[in-house]
Amino acid sequence: MSREDGSALVETAVSAMIVFTLFFGAMEMCLALYTYHFVSDAAREGTRYAMVRGSSCSGLPSACPAQAADVQNFVQGLGFPGIDATAMTVTTTWPTTGSSCTPSSLPCNNRGNLVQVTVQYQFFIPFAPQSSALTMSSTSQLAISQ
């Protein structure tokens, strides 16, 4: 009996270590999925913002027509909880160029042409080196309506 007095304590410590590792790993996976959800939503919201602010937009209170900096400011101002907006990279492009852009302008944000917004975000895993950060990226593309 005296030989087994501390065995329950050791078994509990080992079991608790395994359970807590699994629990915190599941929590981090949930946070990563949460972050990716908001990165993809931010790309879609940025595209919607730019698609109604083309070269012929009117009646909107701000950024008419929208430039890349306007879309970046809009996306970073969305205020998703738990997401550091300053760590978010927003790239807006208007892929249509050349003679298909009538009238010729840069960016080619005429009605019917495309606008594409790409959002990237660095997701840092706690207790891991900074070099192991996950780069989450999402791209959305729509036709300009105004």
Foldseek 3Di string as FASTA:
>chain_A
DVVCPCVVVVVVVVVVVVVVVVVVVVVVVVVVVVVLVLQQVLQVVLQVVQLQQFQPHDDDPDPRNPDQVNSLVVSLPPDDPPANSVQKDKGKAFPDADPVQPPHDPPSRDAFTKMKIKIWGWADDPPDDSVPTDIRMYMDMDGRHD
